[in-house]
Amino acid sequence: MAFPPNYRQERSNRDKAKQRKAQEKQEKRDEKNAQRKSDPQPELAASEPKKEE
């Protein structure tokens, strides 16, 4: 065995990977929210019948 395992470094690497994944997930959520908020609810506008007077 050349070197003993460095458990603290391995743990740090796992934590960093976990944080990156969570950050990417949050960015995707933010993109979807921004897109949803910019569109004025197209589903409701299409489903409502138009009133003719």
N, C-alpha and C. Protein backbone atom coordinates (compact mmCIF):
# COMPACT_ATOMS: atom_id res chain seq x y z
N MET A 1 0.85 -1.17 0.00
CA MET A 1 0.00 0.00 0.00
C MET A 1 0.90 1.24 0.00
N ALA A 2 0.74 2.04 -1.04
CA ALA A 2 1.60 3.20 -1.18
C ALA A 2 1.22 4.30 -0.19
N PHE A 3 -0.04 4.64 -0.15
CA PHE A 3 -0.51 5.70 0.75
C PHE A 3 -1.75 5.21 1.49
N PRO A 4 -1.92 5.62 2.71
CA PRO A 4 -3.16 5.28 3.40
C PRO A 4 -4.31 6.12 2.83
N PRO A 5 -5.51 5.63 2.90
CA PRO A 5 -6.64 6.41 2.36
C PRO A 5 -6.85 7.70 3.14
N ASN A 6 -7.14 8.74 2.40
CA ASN A 6 -7.38 10.04 3.02
C ASN A 6 -8.91 10.24 3.09
N TYR A 7 -9.49 9.82 4.19
CA TYR A 7 -10.94 9.84 4.31
C TYR A 7 -11.51 11.25 4.32
N ARG A 8 -10.80 12.18 4.89
CA ARG A 8 -11.29 13.56 4.93
C ARG A 8 -11.37 14.14 3.52
N GLN A 9 -10.37 13.86 2.70
CA GLN A 9 -10.38 14.36 1.32
C GLN A 9 -11.50 13.70 0.52
N GLU A 10 -11.69 12.41 0.70
CA GLU A 10 -12.76 11.71 -0.01
C GLU A 10 -14.12 12.27 0.38
N ARG A 11 -14.30 12.52 1.67
CA ARG A 11 -15.55 13.08 2.15
C ARG A 11 -15.77 14.48 1.56
N SER A 12 -14.71 15.26 1.51
CA SER A 12 -14.78 16.59 0.94
C SER A 12 -15.18 16.54 -0.53
N ASN A 13 -14.60 15.61 -1.27
CA ASN A 13 -14.94 15.46 -2.69
C ASN A 13 -16.41 15.08 -2.87
N ARG A 14 -16.90 14.18 -2.02
CA ARG A 14 -18.31 13.78 -2.11
C ARG A 14 -19.23 14.96 -1.79
N ASP A 15 -18.87 15.72 -0.77
CA ASP A 15 -19.67 16.88 -0.40
C ASP A 15 -19.71 17.92 -1.51
N LYS A 16 -18.56 18.15 -2.14
CA LYS A 16 -18.51 19.12 -3.24
C LYS A 16 -19.37 18.66 -4.41
N ALA A 17 -19.32 17.37 -4.72
CA ALA A 17 -20.13 16.84 -5.82
C ALA A 17 -21.61 16.98 -5.49
N LYS A 18 -21.97 16.72 -4.25
CA LYS A 18 -23.36 16.85 -3.81
C LYS A 18 -23.83 18.30 -3.93
N GLN A 19 -22.98 19.24 -3.55
CA GLN A 19 -23.33 20.65 -3.65
C GLN A 19 -23.49 21.09 -5.09
N ARG A 20 -22.60 20.61 -5.99
CA ARG A 20 -22.72 20.95 -7.41
C ARG A 20 -24.04 20.44 -7.98
N LYS A 21 -24.38 19.20 -7.63
CA LYS A 21 -25.62 18.61 -8.13
C LYS A 21 -26.83 19.39 -7.63
N ALA A 22 -26.82 19.75 -6.37
CA ALA A 22 -27.93 20.52 -5.80
C ALA A 22 -28.02 21.90 -6.46
N GLN A 23 -26.89 22.51 -6.73
CA GLN A 23 -26.87 23.83 -7.37
C GLN A 23 -27.44 23.75 -8.79
N GLU A 24 -27.07 22.72 -9.54
CA GLU A 24 -27.59 22.55 -10.90
C GLU A 24 -29.11 22.33 -10.86
N LYS A 25 -29.55 21.53 -9.91
CA LYS A 25 -30.97 21.26 -9.77
C LYS A 25 -31.73 22.54 -9.45
N GLN A 26 -31.18 23.36 -8.57
CA GLN A 26 -31.81 24.62 -8.20
C GLN A 26 -31.86 25.58 -9.40
N GLU A 27 -30.79 25.60 -10.19
CA GLU A 27 -30.77 26.46 -11.38
C GLU A 27 -31.85 26.05 -12.36
N LYS A 28 -32.05 24.73 -12.54
CA LYS A 28 -33.11 24.26 -13.44
C LYS A 28 -34.48 24.66 -12.92
N ARG A 29 -34.67 24.55 -11.61
CA ARG A 29 -35.95 24.97 -11.01
C ARG A 29 -36.17 26.45 -11.23
N ASP A 30 -35.13 27.25 -11.03
CA ASP A 30 -35.25 28.69 -11.21
C ASP A 30 -35.60 29.04 -12.65
N GLU A 31 -34.98 28.34 -13.61
CA GLU A 31 -35.29 28.58 -15.03
C GLU A 31 -36.75 28.29 -15.32
N LYS A 32 -37.24 27.14 -14.83
CA LYS A 32 -38.63 26.78 -15.06
C LYS A 32 -39.57 27.79 -14.42
N ASN A 33 -39.25 28.23 -13.21
CA ASN A 33 -40.09 29.22 -12.54
C ASN A 33 -40.10 30.53 -13.30
N ALA A 34 -38.97 30.97 -13.77
CA ALA A 34 -38.90 32.23 -14.52
C ALA A 34 -39.70 32.12 -15.81
N GLN A 35 -39.59 30.98 -16.48
CA GLN A 35 -40.32 30.79 -17.72
C GLN A 35 -41.82 30.74 -17.44
N ARG A 36 -42.21 30.06 -16.38
CA ARG A 36 -43.62 29.95 -16.03
C ARG A 36 -44.19 31.31 -15.65
N LYS A 37 -43.42 32.10 -14.93
CA LYS A 37 -43.91 33.41 -14.51
C LYS A 37 -43.97 34.39 -15.67
N SER A 38 -43.12 34.23 -16.67
CA SER A 38 -43.14 35.14 -17.81
C SER A 38 -44.32 34.85 -18.74
N ASP A 39 -44.79 33.60 -18.78
CA ASP A 39 -45.95 33.25 -19.60
C ASP A 39 -47.21 33.48 -18.78
N PRO A 40 -48.15 34.29 -19.27
CA PRO A 40 -49.35 34.59 -18.48
C PRO A 40 -50.38 33.46 -18.53
N GLN A 41 -50.05 32.34 -17.99
CA GLN A 41 -50.90 31.16 -17.86
C GLN A 41 -51.64 30.83 -19.15
N PRO A 42 -50.94 30.31 -20.15
CA PRO A 42 -51.59 30.00 -21.43
C PRO A 42 -52.62 28.88 -21.32
N GLU A 43 -52.50 27.98 -20.33
CA GLU A 43 -53.45 26.87 -20.20
C GLU A 43 -54.84 27.40 -19.84
N LEU A 44 -54.88 28.34 -18.91
CA LEU A 44 -56.17 28.88 -18.48
C LEU A 44 -56.82 29.72 -19.57
N ALA A 45 -56.05 30.47 -20.29
CA ALA A 45 -56.59 31.32 -21.35
C ALA A 45 -57.18 30.46 -22.47
N ALA A 46 -56.58 29.33 -22.77
CA ALA A 46 -57.07 28.48 -23.85
C ALA A 46 -58.31 27.69 -23.41
N SER A 47 -58.42 27.36 -22.15
CA SER A 47 -59.54 26.53 -21.69
C SER A 47 -60.80 27.34 -21.40
N GLU A 48 -60.68 28.63 -21.17
CA GLU A 48 -61.85 29.44 -20.87
C GLU A 48 -62.62 29.76 -22.16
N PRO A 49 -63.92 29.55 -22.13
CA PRO A 49 -64.70 29.89 -23.34
C PRO A 49 -64.81 31.40 -23.48
N LYS A 50 -64.79 31.86 -24.70
CA LYS A 50 -64.90 33.29 -24.97
C LYS A 50 -66.36 33.70 -24.91
N LYS A 51 -66.65 34.80 -24.26
CA LYS A 51 -68.02 35.31 -24.18
C LYS A 51 -68.28 36.25 -25.35
N GLU A 52 -69.34 35.94 -26.05
CA GLU A 52 -69.73 36.80 -27.19
C GLU A 52 -70.91 37.63 -26.75
N GLU A 53 -70.79 38.91 -26.93
CA GLU A 53 -71.90 39.80 -26.53
C GLU A 53 -72.48 40.49 -27.72
